[in-house]
Amino acid sequence: MTEGWFNDNYWALCDDEKEATQVTALYGLADYFPDYLIVGLRGWDDFILGNRQSRYFTVPTVPLDEQYLEPFDFPA
């Protein structure tokens, strides 16, 4: 993982797909979002998820519910 501050947010981003797959399994995300991988964390509260179409989303870590899934673009 690559970690650090950008503006007012702390970021932790997976370095590659292998790591994203491991983190996804560790958190049991497939039970809730089977078509997504965890690619990182924004702050301490939001997972950053990626899907097979290379689109990104955020979802709160708690409650982990599809109704809170929002499209996400990484800042430049």
N, C-alpha and C. Protein backbone atom coordinates (compact mmCIF):
# COMPACT_ATOMS: atom_id res chain seq x y z
N MET A 1 0.84 -1.18 0.00
CA MET A 1 0.00 0.00 0.00
C MET A 1 0.88 1.24 0.00
N THR A 2 0.39 2.23 -0.71
CA THR A 2 1.00 3.54 -0.67
C THR A 2 0.09 4.42 0.17
N GLU A 3 0.66 5.06 1.19
CA GLU A 3 -0.14 5.85 2.12
C GLU A 3 0.41 7.26 2.24
N GLY A 4 -0.49 8.19 2.53
CA GLY A 4 -0.04 9.55 2.76
C GLY A 4 -1.19 10.55 2.70
N TRP A 5 -0.85 11.80 2.98
CA TRP A 5 -1.82 12.88 2.98
C TRP A 5 -1.86 13.57 1.63
N PHE A 6 -3.06 13.94 1.19
CA PHE A 6 -3.27 14.80 0.03
C PHE A 6 -4.36 15.76 0.42
N ASN A 7 -4.04 17.05 0.42
CA ASN A 7 -4.96 18.08 0.95
C ASN A 7 -5.35 17.69 2.37
N ASP A 8 -6.62 17.61 2.66
CA ASP A 8 -7.06 17.31 4.03
C ASP A 8 -7.41 15.85 4.25
N ASN A 9 -7.14 15.00 3.28
CA ASN A 9 -7.50 13.58 3.40
C ASN A 9 -6.27 12.69 3.49
N TYR A 10 -6.40 11.65 4.28
CA TYR A 10 -5.38 10.61 4.33
C TYR A 10 -5.80 9.52 3.35
N TRP A 11 -4.87 9.07 2.53
CA TRP A 11 -5.14 8.07 1.52
C TRP A 11 -4.28 6.84 1.76
N ALA A 12 -4.86 5.67 1.50
CA ALA A 12 -4.12 4.42 1.47
C ALA A 12 -4.57 3.71 0.20
N LEU A 13 -3.66 3.54 -0.76
CA LEU A 13 -4.02 2.97 -2.06
C LEU A 13 -3.23 1.70 -2.32
N CYS A 14 -3.91 0.69 -2.83
CA CYS A 14 -3.25 -0.56 -3.19
C CYS A 14 -2.28 -0.31 -4.33
N ASP A 15 -1.16 -1.00 -4.31
CA ASP A 15 -0.13 -0.81 -5.31
C ASP A 15 -0.41 -1.54 -6.62
N ASP A 16 -1.20 -2.63 -6.55
CA ASP A 16 -1.50 -3.39 -7.77
C ASP A 16 -2.75 -4.24 -7.54
N GLU A 17 -3.17 -4.94 -8.59
CA GLU A 17 -4.39 -5.74 -8.52
C GLU A 17 -4.25 -6.90 -7.53
N LYS A 18 -3.08 -7.47 -7.43
CA LYS A 18 -2.86 -8.56 -6.48
C LYS A 18 -3.13 -8.09 -5.06
N GLU A 19 -2.59 -6.94 -4.71
CA GLU A 19 -2.81 -6.40 -3.37
C GLU A 19 -4.29 -6.04 -3.18
N ALA A 20 -4.93 -5.47 -4.19
CA ALA A 20 -6.35 -5.14 -4.09
C ALA A 20 -7.19 -6.39 -3.86
N THR A 21 -6.83 -7.48 -4.52
CA THR A 21 -7.54 -8.76 -4.34
C THR A 21 -7.36 -9.27 -2.91
N GLN A 22 -6.16 -9.15 -2.37
CA GLN A 22 -5.89 -9.59 -1.00
C GLN A 22 -6.66 -8.75 0.02
N VAL A 23 -6.66 -7.43 -0.15
CA VAL A 23 -7.37 -6.54 0.77
C VAL A 23 -8.87 -6.81 0.69
N THR A 24 -9.38 -7.01 -0.51
CA THR A 24 -10.80 -7.29 -0.69
C THR A 24 -11.19 -8.56 0.06
N ALA A 25 -10.37 -9.60 -0.05
CA ALA A 25 -10.63 -10.85 0.66
C ALA A 25 -10.54 -10.66 2.18
N LEU A 26 -9.54 -9.91 2.62
CA LEU A 26 -9.34 -9.67 4.05
C LEU A 26 -10.58 -9.03 4.69
N TYR A 27 -11.18 -8.07 3.98
CA TYR A 27 -12.35 -7.37 4.51
C TYR A 27 -13.66 -8.08 4.18
N GLY A 28 -13.65 -9.18 3.43
CA GLY A 28 -14.86 -9.91 3.10
C GLY A 28 -15.82 -9.12 2.22
N LEU A 29 -15.27 -8.25 1.39
CA LEU A 29 -16.12 -7.38 0.58
C LEU A 29 -16.99 -8.15 -0.41
N ALA A 30 -16.52 -9.30 -0.89
CA ALA A 30 -17.27 -10.06 -1.88
C ALA A 30 -18.64 -10.48 -1.36
N ASP A 31 -18.81 -10.56 -0.05
CA ASP A 31 -20.11 -10.89 0.53
C ASP A 31 -21.13 -9.78 0.30
N TYR A 32 -20.64 -8.55 0.12
CA TYR A 32 -21.51 -7.38 -0.03
C TYR A 32 -21.49 -6.82 -1.45
N PHE A 33 -20.32 -6.83 -2.08
CA PHE A 33 -20.11 -6.26 -3.41
C PHE A 33 -19.27 -7.24 -4.24
N PRO A 34 -19.88 -8.28 -4.77
CA PRO A 34 -19.09 -9.34 -5.43
C PRO A 34 -18.35 -8.90 -6.69
N ASP A 35 -18.74 -7.82 -7.32
CA ASP A 35 -18.11 -7.40 -8.57
C ASP A 35 -17.12 -6.25 -8.41
N TYR A 36 -16.67 -6.01 -7.18
CA TYR A 36 -15.78 -4.88 -6.90
C TYR A 36 -14.54 -5.34 -6.15
N LEU A 37 -13.47 -4.55 -6.29
CA LEU A 37 -12.25 -4.73 -5.49
C LEU A 37 -12.03 -3.46 -4.68
N ILE A 38 -11.51 -3.62 -3.48
CA ILE A 38 -11.08 -2.46 -2.70
C ILE A 38 -9.74 -2.02 -3.28
N VAL A 39 -9.69 -0.80 -3.78
CA VAL A 39 -8.42 -0.28 -4.31
C VAL A 39 -7.77 0.70 -3.34
N GLY A 40 -8.51 1.08 -2.28
CA GLY A 40 -7.92 1.97 -1.30
C GLY A 40 -8.91 2.46 -0.28
N LEU A 41 -8.40 3.35 0.57
CA LEU A 41 -9.20 4.04 1.59
C LEU A 41 -9.01 5.53 1.44
N ARG A 42 -10.08 6.27 1.62
CA ARG A 42 -10.01 7.73 1.65
C ARG A 42 -10.39 8.14 3.06
N GLY A 43 -9.45 8.83 3.71
CA GLY A 43 -9.68 9.13 5.12
C GLY A 43 -9.70 7.82 5.88
N TRP A 44 -10.47 7.79 6.91
CA TRP A 44 -10.59 6.55 7.69
C TRP A 44 -11.97 5.95 7.52
N ASP A 45 -12.81 6.61 6.71
CA ASP A 45 -14.22 6.23 6.68
C ASP A 45 -14.71 5.62 5.38
N ASP A 46 -14.00 5.80 4.28
CA ASP A 46 -14.53 5.37 2.99
C ASP A 46 -13.60 4.42 2.25
N PHE A 47 -14.18 3.29 1.80
CA PHE A 47 -13.48 2.43 0.87
C PHE A 47 -13.54 3.07 -0.51
N ILE A 48 -12.50 2.93 -1.29
CA ILE A 48 -12.52 3.25 -2.72
C ILE A 48 -12.57 1.90 -3.43
N LEU A 49 -13.61 1.70 -4.22
CA LEU A 49 -13.82 0.44 -4.92
C LEU A 49 -13.63 0.62 -6.42
N GLY A 50 -13.18 -0.41 -7.07
CA GLY A 50 -13.08 -0.42 -8.53
C GLY A 50 -13.86 -1.60 -9.06
N ASN A 51 -14.46 -1.43 -10.25
CA ASN A 51 -15.17 -2.54 -10.87
C ASN A 51 -14.44 -2.99 -12.13
N ARG A 52 -15.00 -3.97 -12.81
CA ARG A 52 -14.37 -4.54 -14.00
C ARG A 52 -14.30 -3.57 -15.18
N GLN A 53 -15.12 -2.54 -15.16
CA GLN A 53 -15.12 -1.55 -16.23
C GLN A 53 -14.18 -0.38 -15.91
N SER A 54 -13.33 -0.54 -14.90
CA SER A 54 -12.38 0.50 -14.48
C SER A 54 -13.07 1.78 -14.04
N ARG A 55 -14.22 1.63 -13.42
CA ARG A 55 -14.91 2.76 -12.81
C ARG A 55 -14.68 2.68 -11.31
N TYR A 56 -14.66 3.83 -10.66
CA TYR A 56 -14.37 3.88 -9.24
C TYR A 56 -15.55 4.45 -8.47
N PHE A 57 -15.66 3.99 -7.22
CA PHE A 57 -16.77 4.37 -6.35
C PHE A 57 -16.25 4.48 -4.93
N THR A 58 -16.96 5.23 -4.11
CA THR A 58 -16.70 5.22 -2.67
C THR A 58 -17.93 4.66 -1.97
N VAL A 59 -17.69 4.09 -0.82
CA VAL A 59 -18.76 3.60 0.03
C VAL A 59 -18.24 3.68 1.47
N PRO A 60 -19.07 4.13 2.40
CA PRO A 60 -18.61 4.15 3.80
C PRO A 60 -18.24 2.74 4.27
N THR A 61 -17.23 2.67 5.11
CA THR A 61 -16.86 1.37 5.65
C THR A 61 -17.95 0.85 6.58
N VAL A 62 -18.67 1.76 7.22
CA VAL A 62 -19.80 1.40 8.09
C VAL A 62 -20.87 2.46 7.90
N PRO A 63 -22.08 2.13 7.54
CA PRO A 63 -22.54 0.79 7.18
C PRO A 63 -22.13 0.47 5.75
N LEU A 64 -21.72 -0.75 5.53
CA LEU A 64 -21.32 -1.20 4.20
C LEU A 64 -22.57 -1.64 3.46
N ASP A 65 -23.16 -0.70 2.74
CA ASP A 65 -24.46 -0.93 2.11
C ASP A 65 -24.46 -0.31 0.71
N GLU A 66 -25.00 -1.03 -0.25
CA GLU A 66 -25.00 -0.60 -1.65
C GLU A 66 -25.70 0.74 -1.86
N GLN A 67 -26.65 1.08 -1.00
CA GLN A 67 -27.36 2.35 -1.18
C GLN A 67 -26.44 3.56 -1.02
N TYR A 68 -25.28 3.38 -0.40
CA TYR A 68 -24.34 4.48 -0.18
C TYR A 68 -23.21 4.52 -1.21
N LEU A 69 -23.24 3.63 -2.20
CA LEU A 69 -22.23 3.59 -3.24
C LEU A 69 -22.35 4.84 -4.11
N GLU A 70 -21.22 5.58 -4.27
CA GLU A 70 -21.22 6.81 -5.07
C GLU A 70 -20.06 6.79 -6.06
N PRO A 71 -20.30 7.30 -7.28
CA PRO A 71 -19.20 7.40 -8.25
C PRO A 71 -18.07 8.25 -7.68
N PHE A 72 -16.84 7.93 -8.10
CA PHE A 72 -15.68 8.62 -7.55
C PHE A 72 -14.65 8.85 -8.65
N ASP A 73 -14.05 10.01 -8.68
CA ASP A 73 -12.92 10.32 -9.54
C ASP A 73 -11.75 10.73 -8.65
N PHE A 74 -10.60 10.16 -8.92
CA PHE A 74 -9.41 10.54 -8.16
C PHE A 74 -9.05 11.99 -8.46
N PRO A 75 -8.62 12.74 -7.43
CA PRO A 75 -8.20 14.12 -7.70
C PRO A 75 -6.93 14.13 -8.54
N ALA A 76 -6.80 15.17 -9.32
CA ALA A 76 -5.62 15.28 -10.20
C ALA A 76 -4.38 15.57 -9.38
